[in-house]
Amino acid sequence: MPQMSKGGKYIFGWSEIREDGAIIFPLPAVEEYKLHQEQYIYIVSGSKQTGGFCVMSEPLLSRSTLNHILKENPRLADRTLKEGELISYKGRKYGWLTLKDNGVCLSESLMQMLDIKTGDKLLAIRSSDIAFTMGAKDSLKCNTLKS
């Protein structure tokens, strides 16, 4: 698996946001985070450096030290929050999406809130043991290794 820089984060590959808002996650990310077993994912707005959004499954999030996110946001935890709606919590925005065919469908309003758009290529980056990032910043394109 390529790295962004020597000793840096591993990358899974690129995914493009299609005309219908669909984005398919790279298969290695789906396998590593066991998303094929899930019906829903949680998303978190990306950092200022990477942009885009982070992807987490409920089992990984609920068993982590970040489980307070779900405990303190019951509408997020039980998905009574509208799909694709984001809530703010401790400086980040959180929401949930239905996972289908190893990807999700992003609404126009969600893309606008995440500062991404149709046709954008997002770089899937291993962030931690519970999440990967779908990074959107142009600086990522310059830092990735060519294979």
N, C-alpha and C. Protein backbone atom coordinates (compact mmCIF):
# COMPACT_ATOMS: atom_id res chain seq x y z
N MET A 1 0.85 -1.18 0.00
CA MET A 1 0.00 0.00 0.00
C MET A 1 0.90 1.25 0.00
N PRO A 2 0.65 2.20 -0.90
CA PRO A 2 1.49 3.39 -0.95
C PRO A 2 1.29 4.29 0.27
N GLN A 3 2.30 5.11 0.54
CA GLN A 3 2.24 6.07 1.63
C GLN A 3 2.28 7.47 1.04
N MET A 4 1.74 8.44 1.80
CA MET A 4 1.74 9.83 1.34
C MET A 4 3.16 10.39 1.36
N SER A 5 3.94 9.98 2.32
CA SER A 5 5.35 10.37 2.42
C SER A 5 6.05 9.28 3.21
N LYS A 6 7.37 9.26 3.16
CA LYS A 6 8.11 8.23 3.89
C LYS A 6 7.72 8.27 5.36
N GLY A 7 7.26 7.14 5.87
CA GLY A 7 6.82 7.06 7.26
C GLY A 7 5.45 7.68 7.50
N GLY A 8 4.78 8.10 6.44
CA GLY A 8 3.49 8.79 6.57
C GLY A 8 2.29 7.84 6.51
N LYS A 9 1.12 8.45 6.40
CA LYS A 9 -0.14 7.72 6.37
C LYS A 9 -0.25 6.87 5.10
N TYR A 10 -0.88 5.72 5.27
CA TYR A 10 -1.15 4.85 4.12
C TYR A 10 -2.36 5.36 3.36
N ILE A 11 -2.33 5.17 2.05
CA ILE A 11 -3.47 5.55 1.22
C ILE A 11 -4.07 4.31 0.58
N PHE A 12 -5.39 4.32 0.44
CA PHE A 12 -6.12 3.20 -0.16
C PHE A 12 -6.38 3.43 -1.64
N GLY A 13 -6.52 4.67 -2.05
CA GLY A 13 -6.80 4.98 -3.44
C GLY A 13 -7.72 6.17 -3.58
N TRP A 14 -8.06 6.47 -4.82
CA TRP A 14 -8.92 7.61 -5.15
C TRP A 14 -10.35 7.15 -5.41
N SER A 15 -11.30 8.02 -5.09
CA SER A 15 -12.71 7.80 -5.43
C SER A 15 -13.26 9.11 -5.95
N GLU A 16 -14.04 9.03 -7.02
CA GLU A 16 -14.62 10.24 -7.61
C GLU A 16 -16.10 10.32 -7.26
N ILE A 17 -16.54 11.53 -6.95
CA ILE A 17 -17.97 11.76 -6.67
C ILE A 17 -18.69 11.81 -8.02
N ARG A 18 -19.60 10.89 -8.22
CA ARG A 18 -20.32 10.78 -9.49
C ARG A 18 -21.42 11.84 -9.60
N GLU A 19 -21.97 11.95 -10.79
CA GLU A 19 -23.03 12.92 -11.07
C GLU A 19 -24.22 12.79 -10.12
N ASP A 20 -24.54 11.55 -9.73
CA ASP A 20 -25.69 11.32 -8.85
C ASP A 20 -25.31 11.45 -7.36
N GLY A 21 -24.08 11.88 -7.08
CA GLY A 21 -23.62 12.04 -5.69
C GLY A 21 -23.04 10.78 -5.08
N ALA A 22 -23.03 9.69 -5.85
CA ALA A 22 -22.50 8.43 -5.33
C ALA A 22 -20.98 8.48 -5.27
N ILE A 23 -20.44 7.87 -4.25
CA ILE A 23 -19.00 7.69 -4.13
C ILE A 23 -18.76 6.29 -3.60
N ILE A 24 -17.90 5.56 -4.27
CA ILE A 24 -17.56 4.18 -3.89
C ILE A 24 -16.22 4.21 -3.18
N PHE A 25 -16.16 3.62 -2.01
CA PHE A 25 -14.91 3.59 -1.26
C PHE A 25 -13.97 2.52 -1.84
N PRO A 26 -12.67 2.78 -1.82
CA PRO A 26 -11.72 1.77 -2.31
C PRO A 26 -11.87 0.46 -1.52
N LEU A 27 -11.84 -0.65 -2.24
CA LEU A 27 -12.04 -1.97 -1.63
C LEU A 27 -11.10 -2.25 -0.46
N PRO A 28 -9.81 -1.89 -0.53
CA PRO A 28 -8.96 -2.15 0.64
C PRO A 28 -9.45 -1.45 1.91
N ALA A 29 -10.01 -0.25 1.78
CA ALA A 29 -10.56 0.46 2.95
C ALA A 29 -11.81 -0.25 3.46
N VAL A 30 -12.66 -0.66 2.55
CA VAL A 30 -13.89 -1.39 2.91
C VAL A 30 -13.53 -2.66 3.68
N GLU A 31 -12.52 -3.36 3.20
CA GLU A 31 -12.11 -4.61 3.85
C GLU A 31 -11.45 -4.35 5.20
N GLU A 32 -10.53 -3.40 5.27
CA GLU A 32 -9.82 -3.14 6.53
C GLU A 32 -10.77 -2.69 7.64
N TYR A 33 -11.75 -1.87 7.30
CA TYR A 33 -12.68 -1.35 8.30
C TYR A 33 -13.96 -2.16 8.38
N LYS A 34 -13.98 -3.30 7.69
CA LYS A 34 -15.09 -4.26 7.73
C LYS A 34 -16.44 -3.61 7.40
N LEU A 35 -16.45 -2.72 6.44
CA LEU A 35 -17.68 -2.03 6.07
C LEU A 35 -18.67 -2.94 5.35
N HIS A 36 -18.18 -4.02 4.73
CA HIS A 36 -19.08 -4.93 4.03
C HIS A 36 -20.09 -5.56 4.99
N GLN A 37 -19.82 -5.51 6.29
CA GLN A 37 -20.73 -6.06 7.29
C GLN A 37 -21.75 -5.03 7.78
N GLU A 38 -21.62 -3.79 7.34
CA GLU A 38 -22.42 -2.70 7.88
C GLU A 38 -23.51 -2.22 6.93
N GLN A 39 -24.57 -1.67 7.51
CA GLN A 39 -25.65 -1.08 6.74
C GLN A 39 -25.54 0.45 6.75
N TYR A 40 -24.93 0.99 7.81
CA TYR A 40 -24.80 2.44 7.96
C TYR A 40 -23.36 2.78 8.34
N ILE A 41 -22.97 4.00 8.02
CA ILE A 41 -21.68 4.51 8.49
C ILE A 41 -21.92 5.88 9.13
N TYR A 42 -20.99 6.27 9.98
CA TYR A 42 -20.97 7.62 10.51
C TYR A 42 -19.91 8.40 9.76
N ILE A 43 -20.21 9.66 9.48
CA ILE A 43 -19.23 10.52 8.82
C ILE A 43 -18.93 11.70 9.74
N VAL A 44 -17.72 12.21 9.62
CA VAL A 44 -17.25 13.34 10.40
C VAL A 44 -16.56 14.29 9.44
N SER A 45 -16.82 15.57 9.59
CA SER A 45 -16.16 16.53 8.72
C SER A 45 -14.65 16.38 8.85
N GLY A 46 -13.95 16.53 7.74
CA GLY A 46 -12.50 16.37 7.72
C GLY A 46 -11.78 17.53 8.39
N SER A 47 -10.50 17.36 8.58
CA SER A 47 -9.68 18.40 9.20
C SER A 47 -9.47 19.55 8.21
N LYS A 48 -8.95 20.65 8.71
CA LYS A 48 -8.64 21.78 7.83
C LYS A 48 -7.58 21.39 6.82
N GLN A 49 -6.70 20.49 7.21
CA GLN A 49 -5.61 20.08 6.33
C GLN A 49 -6.08 19.18 5.19
N THR A 50 -6.98 18.23 5.48
CA THR A 50 -7.40 17.28 4.44
C THR A 50 -8.75 17.57 3.83
N GLY A 51 -9.64 18.24 4.57
CA GLY A 51 -10.99 18.47 4.06
C GLY A 51 -11.74 17.17 3.92
N GLY A 52 -12.80 17.18 3.13
CA GLY A 52 -13.59 15.97 2.91
C GLY A 52 -14.29 15.51 4.17
N PHE A 53 -14.22 14.18 4.40
CA PHE A 53 -14.90 13.61 5.57
C PHE A 53 -14.23 12.31 5.97
N CYS A 54 -14.45 11.93 7.24
CA CYS A 54 -13.96 10.66 7.77
C CYS A 54 -15.11 9.67 7.82
N VAL A 55 -14.78 8.40 7.71
CA VAL A 55 -15.76 7.33 7.68
C VAL A 55 -15.50 6.37 8.84
N MET A 56 -16.56 6.07 9.61
CA MET A 56 -16.45 5.14 10.73
C MET A 56 -17.67 4.23 10.76
N SER A 57 -17.47 3.00 11.20
CA SER A 57 -18.61 2.11 11.41
C SER A 57 -19.07 2.24 12.86
N GLU A 58 -20.29 1.88 13.12
CA GLU A 58 -20.84 1.95 14.48
C GLU A 58 -20.08 1.05 15.44
N PRO A 59 -19.78 -0.21 15.08
CA PRO A 59 -19.06 -1.06 16.03
C PRO A 59 -17.69 -0.50 16.41
N LEU A 60 -16.94 0.00 15.44
CA LEU A 60 -15.62 0.54 15.75
C LEU A 60 -15.71 1.80 16.60
N LEU A 61 -16.65 2.68 16.27
CA LEU A 61 -16.82 3.92 17.03
C LEU A 61 -17.31 3.64 18.45
N SER A 62 -18.29 2.75 18.58
CA SER A 62 -18.88 2.51 19.91
C SER A 62 -17.93 1.80 20.87
N ARG A 63 -16.93 1.09 20.33
CA ARG A 63 -15.96 0.40 21.20
C ARG A 63 -14.69 1.22 21.43
N SER A 64 -14.64 2.42 20.88
CA SER A 64 -13.43 3.24 20.98
C SER A 64 -13.54 4.27 22.11
N THR A 65 -12.46 4.97 22.34
CA THR A 65 -12.47 6.04 23.34
C THR A 65 -13.30 7.23 22.86
N LEU A 66 -13.72 7.21 21.61
CA LEU A 66 -14.58 8.28 21.08
C LEU A 66 -16.07 7.94 21.20
N ASN A 67 -16.40 6.90 21.94
CA ASN A 67 -17.81 6.50 22.05
C ASN A 67 -18.68 7.57 22.70
N HIS A 68 -18.06 8.56 23.36
CA HIS A 68 -18.82 9.67 23.94
C HIS A 68 -19.56 10.46 22.86
N ILE A 69 -19.07 10.41 21.64
CA ILE A 69 -19.75 11.10 20.54
C ILE A 69 -21.17 10.56 20.40
N LEU A 70 -21.31 9.25 20.45
CA LEU A 70 -22.64 8.64 20.33
C LEU A 70 -23.44 8.82 21.62
N LYS A 71 -22.78 8.68 22.76
CA LYS A 71 -23.49 8.83 24.05
C LYS A 71 -24.05 10.24 24.23
N GLU A 72 -23.31 11.24 23.79
CA GLU A 72 -23.74 12.62 23.98
C GLU A 72 -24.58 13.16 22.82
N ASN A 73 -24.77 12.36 21.80
CA ASN A 73 -25.59 12.75 20.65
C ASN A 73 -26.53 11.61 20.29
N PRO A 74 -27.57 11.40 21.11
CA PRO A 74 -28.45 10.23 20.90
C PRO A 74 -29.14 10.23 19.54
N ARG A 75 -29.45 11.41 18.98
CA ARG A 75 -30.09 11.44 17.66
C ARG A 75 -29.16 10.90 16.58
N LEU A 76 -27.88 11.07 16.78
CA LEU A 76 -26.89 10.51 15.87
C LEU A 76 -26.77 9.00 16.09
N ALA A 77 -26.68 8.62 17.36
CA ALA A 77 -26.50 7.21 17.72
C ALA A 77 -27.65 6.33 17.23
N ASP A 78 -28.88 6.80 17.39
CA ASP A 78 -30.03 5.97 16.99
C ASP A 78 -30.54 6.32 15.59
N ARG A 79 -29.83 7.21 14.91
CA ARG A 79 -30.14 7.63 13.55
C ARG A 79 -31.55 8.20 13.39
N THR A 80 -32.03 8.90 14.44
CA THR A 80 -33.27 9.66 14.28
C THR A 80 -32.95 11.02 13.65
N LEU A 81 -31.67 11.38 13.64
CA LEU A 81 -31.20 12.53 12.88
C LEU A 81 -31.40 12.17 11.40
N LYS A 82 -31.88 13.10 10.61
CA LYS A 82 -32.13 12.83 9.19
C LYS A 82 -30.84 12.38 8.50
N GLU A 83 -30.94 11.38 7.65
CA GLU A 83 -29.77 10.90 6.92
C GLU A 83 -29.13 12.04 6.13
N GLY A 84 -27.81 12.18 6.29
CA GLY A 84 -27.08 13.23 5.60
C GLY A 84 -27.09 14.58 6.28
N GLU A 85 -27.86 14.71 7.35
CA GLU A 85 -27.86 15.96 8.13
C GLU A 85 -26.66 15.92 9.07
N LEU A 86 -26.02 17.06 9.23
CA LEU A 86 -24.85 17.13 10.11
C LEU A 86 -25.18 17.92 11.37
N ILE A 87 -24.66 17.43 12.51
CA ILE A 87 -24.77 18.17 13.76
C ILE A 87 -23.35 18.54 14.20
N SER A 88 -23.24 19.67 14.87
CA SER A 88 -21.93 20.12 15.36
C SER A 88 -21.70 19.60 16.76
N TYR A 89 -20.47 19.14 17.00
CA TYR A 89 -20.08 18.64 18.31
C TYR A 89 -18.58 18.80 18.45
N LYS A 90 -18.17 19.59 19.41
CA LYS A 90 -16.75 19.79 19.72
C LYS A 90 -15.91 20.14 18.49
N GLY A 91 -16.41 21.08 17.70
CA GLY A 91 -15.65 21.59 16.58
C GLY A 91 -15.72 20.82 15.27
N ARG A 92 -16.39 19.70 15.27
CA ARG A 92 -16.54 18.90 14.05
C ARG A 92 -18.03 18.72 13.77
N LYS A 93 -18.34 18.25 12.57
CA LYS A 93 -19.72 17.97 12.18
C LYS A 93 -19.86 16.47 11.96
N TYR A 94 -20.96 15.91 12.46
CA TYR A 94 -21.20 14.47 12.43
C TYR A 94 -22.53 14.17 11.79
N GLY A 95 -22.59 13.04 11.09
CA GLY A 95 -23.83 12.58 10.48
C GLY A 95 -23.74 11.10 10.19
N TRP A 96 -24.77 10.58 9.55
CA TRP A 96 -24.77 9.16 9.18
C TRP A 96 -25.31 9.01 7.76
N LEU A 97 -24.90 7.92 7.11
CA LEU A 97 -25.35 7.62 5.76
C LEU A 97 -25.57 6.12 5.62
N THR A 98 -26.45 5.75 4.71
CA THR A 98 -26.67 4.35 4.39
C THR A 98 -25.54 3.89 3.47
N LEU A 99 -24.99 2.75 3.80
CA LEU A 99 -23.91 2.16 3.01
C LEU A 99 -24.54 1.17 2.03
N LYS A 100 -24.21 1.32 0.76
CA LYS A 100 -24.75 0.41 -0.25
C LYS A 100 -23.70 0.19 -1.32
N ASP A 101 -23.44 -1.06 -1.64
CA ASP A 101 -22.46 -1.42 -2.67
C ASP A 101 -21.11 -0.74 -2.43
N ASN A 102 -20.65 -0.79 -1.16
CA ASN A 102 -19.35 -0.25 -0.76
C ASN A 102 -19.23 1.26 -0.95
N GLY A 103 -20.34 1.95 -0.93
CA GLY A 103 -20.31 3.40 -1.07
C GLY A 103 -21.52 4.05 -0.47
N VAL A 104 -21.60 5.36 -0.66
CA VAL A 104 -22.70 6.15 -0.14
C VAL A 104 -23.15 7.13 -1.21
N CYS A 105 -24.30 7.73 -0.99
CA CYS A 105 -24.80 8.76 -1.88
C CYS A 105 -24.82 10.07 -1.09
N LEU A 106 -24.15 11.08 -1.62
CA LEU A 106 -24.05 12.37 -0.96
C LEU A 106 -25.04 13.34 -1.60
N SER A 107 -25.88 13.96 -0.79
CA SER A 107 -26.82 14.95 -1.32
C SER A 107 -26.07 16.24 -1.64
N GLU A 108 -26.68 17.07 -2.45
CA GLU A 108 -26.08 18.37 -2.80
C GLU A 108 -25.82 19.19 -1.54
N SER A 109 -26.79 19.21 -0.62
CA SER A 109 -26.63 20.02 0.60
C SER A 109 -25.50 19.47 1.47
N LEU A 110 -25.36 18.15 1.54
CA LEU A 110 -24.28 17.57 2.33
C LEU A 110 -22.93 17.89 1.69
N MET A 111 -22.85 17.78 0.38
CA MET A 111 -21.59 18.11 -0.30
C MET A 111 -21.23 19.57 -0.06
N GLN A 112 -22.24 20.43 -0.09
CA GLN A 112 -21.99 21.85 0.15
C GLN A 112 -21.45 22.07 1.57
N MET A 113 -22.03 21.40 2.56
CA MET A 113 -21.57 21.54 3.94
C MET A 113 -20.15 21.01 4.12
N LEU A 114 -19.78 19.99 3.33
CA LEU A 114 -18.45 19.41 3.43
C LEU A 114 -17.45 20.05 2.46
N ASP A 115 -17.92 21.04 1.69
CA ASP A 115 -17.10 21.77 0.73
C ASP A 115 -16.48 20.83 -0.31
N ILE A 116 -17.32 19.93 -0.84
CA ILE A 116 -16.93 19.04 -1.93
C ILE A 116 -18.02 19.11 -2.99
N LYS A 117 -17.73 18.61 -4.19
CA LYS A 117 -18.72 18.70 -5.26
C LYS A 117 -18.60 17.52 -6.23
N THR A 118 -19.62 17.36 -7.04
CA THR A 118 -19.61 16.33 -8.08
C THR A 118 -18.34 16.48 -8.91
N GLY A 119 -17.72 15.34 -9.19
CA GLY A 119 -16.50 15.33 -9.99
C GLY A 119 -15.22 15.40 -9.17
N ASP A 120 -15.33 15.79 -7.89
CA ASP A 120 -14.14 15.83 -7.03
C ASP A 120 -13.60 14.42 -6.85
N LYS A 121 -12.28 14.32 -6.83
CA LYS A 121 -11.62 13.06 -6.52
C LYS A 121 -11.13 13.14 -5.09
N LEU A 122 -11.57 12.20 -4.27
CA LEU A 122 -11.20 12.16 -2.86
C LEU A 122 -10.20 11.03 -2.64
N LEU A 123 -9.21 11.31 -1.82
CA LEU A 123 -8.17 10.34 -1.52
C LEU A 123 -8.50 9.63 -0.21
N ALA A 124 -8.64 8.30 -0.27
CA ALA A 124 -8.93 7.51 0.93
C ALA A 124 -7.62 7.25 1.68
N ILE A 125 -7.56 7.74 2.92
CA ILE A 125 -6.34 7.70 3.73
C ILE A 125 -6.64 7.01 5.05
N ARG A 126 -5.77 6.09 5.46
CA ARG A 126 -5.94 5.47 6.79
C ARG A 126 -5.68 6.55 7.84
N SER A 127 -6.69 6.81 8.68
CA SER A 127 -6.57 7.84 9.71
C SER A 127 -6.21 7.24 11.06
N SER A 128 -6.90 6.16 11.40
CA SER A 128 -6.71 5.52 12.70
C SER A 128 -7.26 4.10 12.60
N ASP A 129 -7.32 3.43 13.75
CA ASP A 129 -7.87 2.07 13.74
C ASP A 129 -9.39 2.07 13.68
N ILE A 130 -10.03 3.24 13.78
CA ILE A 130 -11.50 3.28 13.71
C ILE A 130 -12.03 4.06 12.52
N ALA A 131 -11.18 4.79 11.80
CA ALA A 131 -11.69 5.63 10.72
C ALA A 131 -10.68 5.79 9.59
N PHE A 132 -11.22 6.03 8.40
CA PHE A 132 -10.39 6.48 7.29
C PHE A 132 -10.96 7.78 6.77
N THR A 133 -10.12 8.57 6.14
CA THR A 133 -10.50 9.88 5.65
C THR A 133 -10.64 9.85 4.14
N MET A 134 -11.67 10.50 3.66
CA MET A 134 -11.84 10.75 2.24
C MET A 134 -11.44 12.21 2.04
N GLY A 135 -10.14 12.42 1.85
CA GLY A 135 -9.58 13.76 1.80
C GLY A 135 -9.83 14.45 0.47
N ALA A 136 -10.09 15.76 0.55
CA ALA A 136 -10.48 16.50 -0.64
C ALA A 136 -9.55 17.64 -1.02
N LYS A 137 -8.63 18.01 -0.18
CA LYS A 137 -7.80 19.20 -0.43
C LYS A 137 -6.84 18.97 -1.60
N ASP A 138 -6.65 20.02 -2.40
CA ASP A 138 -5.75 19.94 -3.55
C ASP A 138 -4.33 19.58 -3.16
N SER A 139 -3.92 19.97 -1.96
CA SER A 139 -2.54 19.66 -1.52
C SER A 139 -2.30 18.16 -1.45
N LEU A 140 -3.35 17.36 -1.26
CA LEU A 140 -3.19 15.91 -1.22
C LEU A 140 -2.73 15.38 -2.58
N LYS A 141 -3.20 15.99 -3.64
CA LYS A 141 -2.85 15.53 -4.99
C LYS A 141 -1.36 15.67 -5.25
N CYS A 142 -0.76 16.69 -4.67
CA CYS A 142 0.67 16.94 -4.87
C CYS A 142 1.52 16.01 -4.01
N ASN A 143 0.97 15.56 -2.89
CA ASN A 143 1.76 14.77 -1.93
C ASN A 143 1.70 13.27 -2.14
N THR A 144 0.80 12.81 -2.99
CA THR A 144 0.67 11.37 -3.15
C THR A 144 1.73 10.82 -4.09
N LEU A 145 2.11 9.59 -3.82
CA LEU A 145 3.10 8.94 -4.67
C LEU A 145 2.42 8.40 -5.90
N LYS A 146 3.09 8.51 -7.01
CA LYS A 146 2.56 7.94 -8.26
C LYS A 146 2.94 6.47 -8.30
N SER A 147 1.95 5.64 -8.67
CA SER A 147 2.27 4.21 -8.75
C SER A 147 2.42 3.76 -10.17
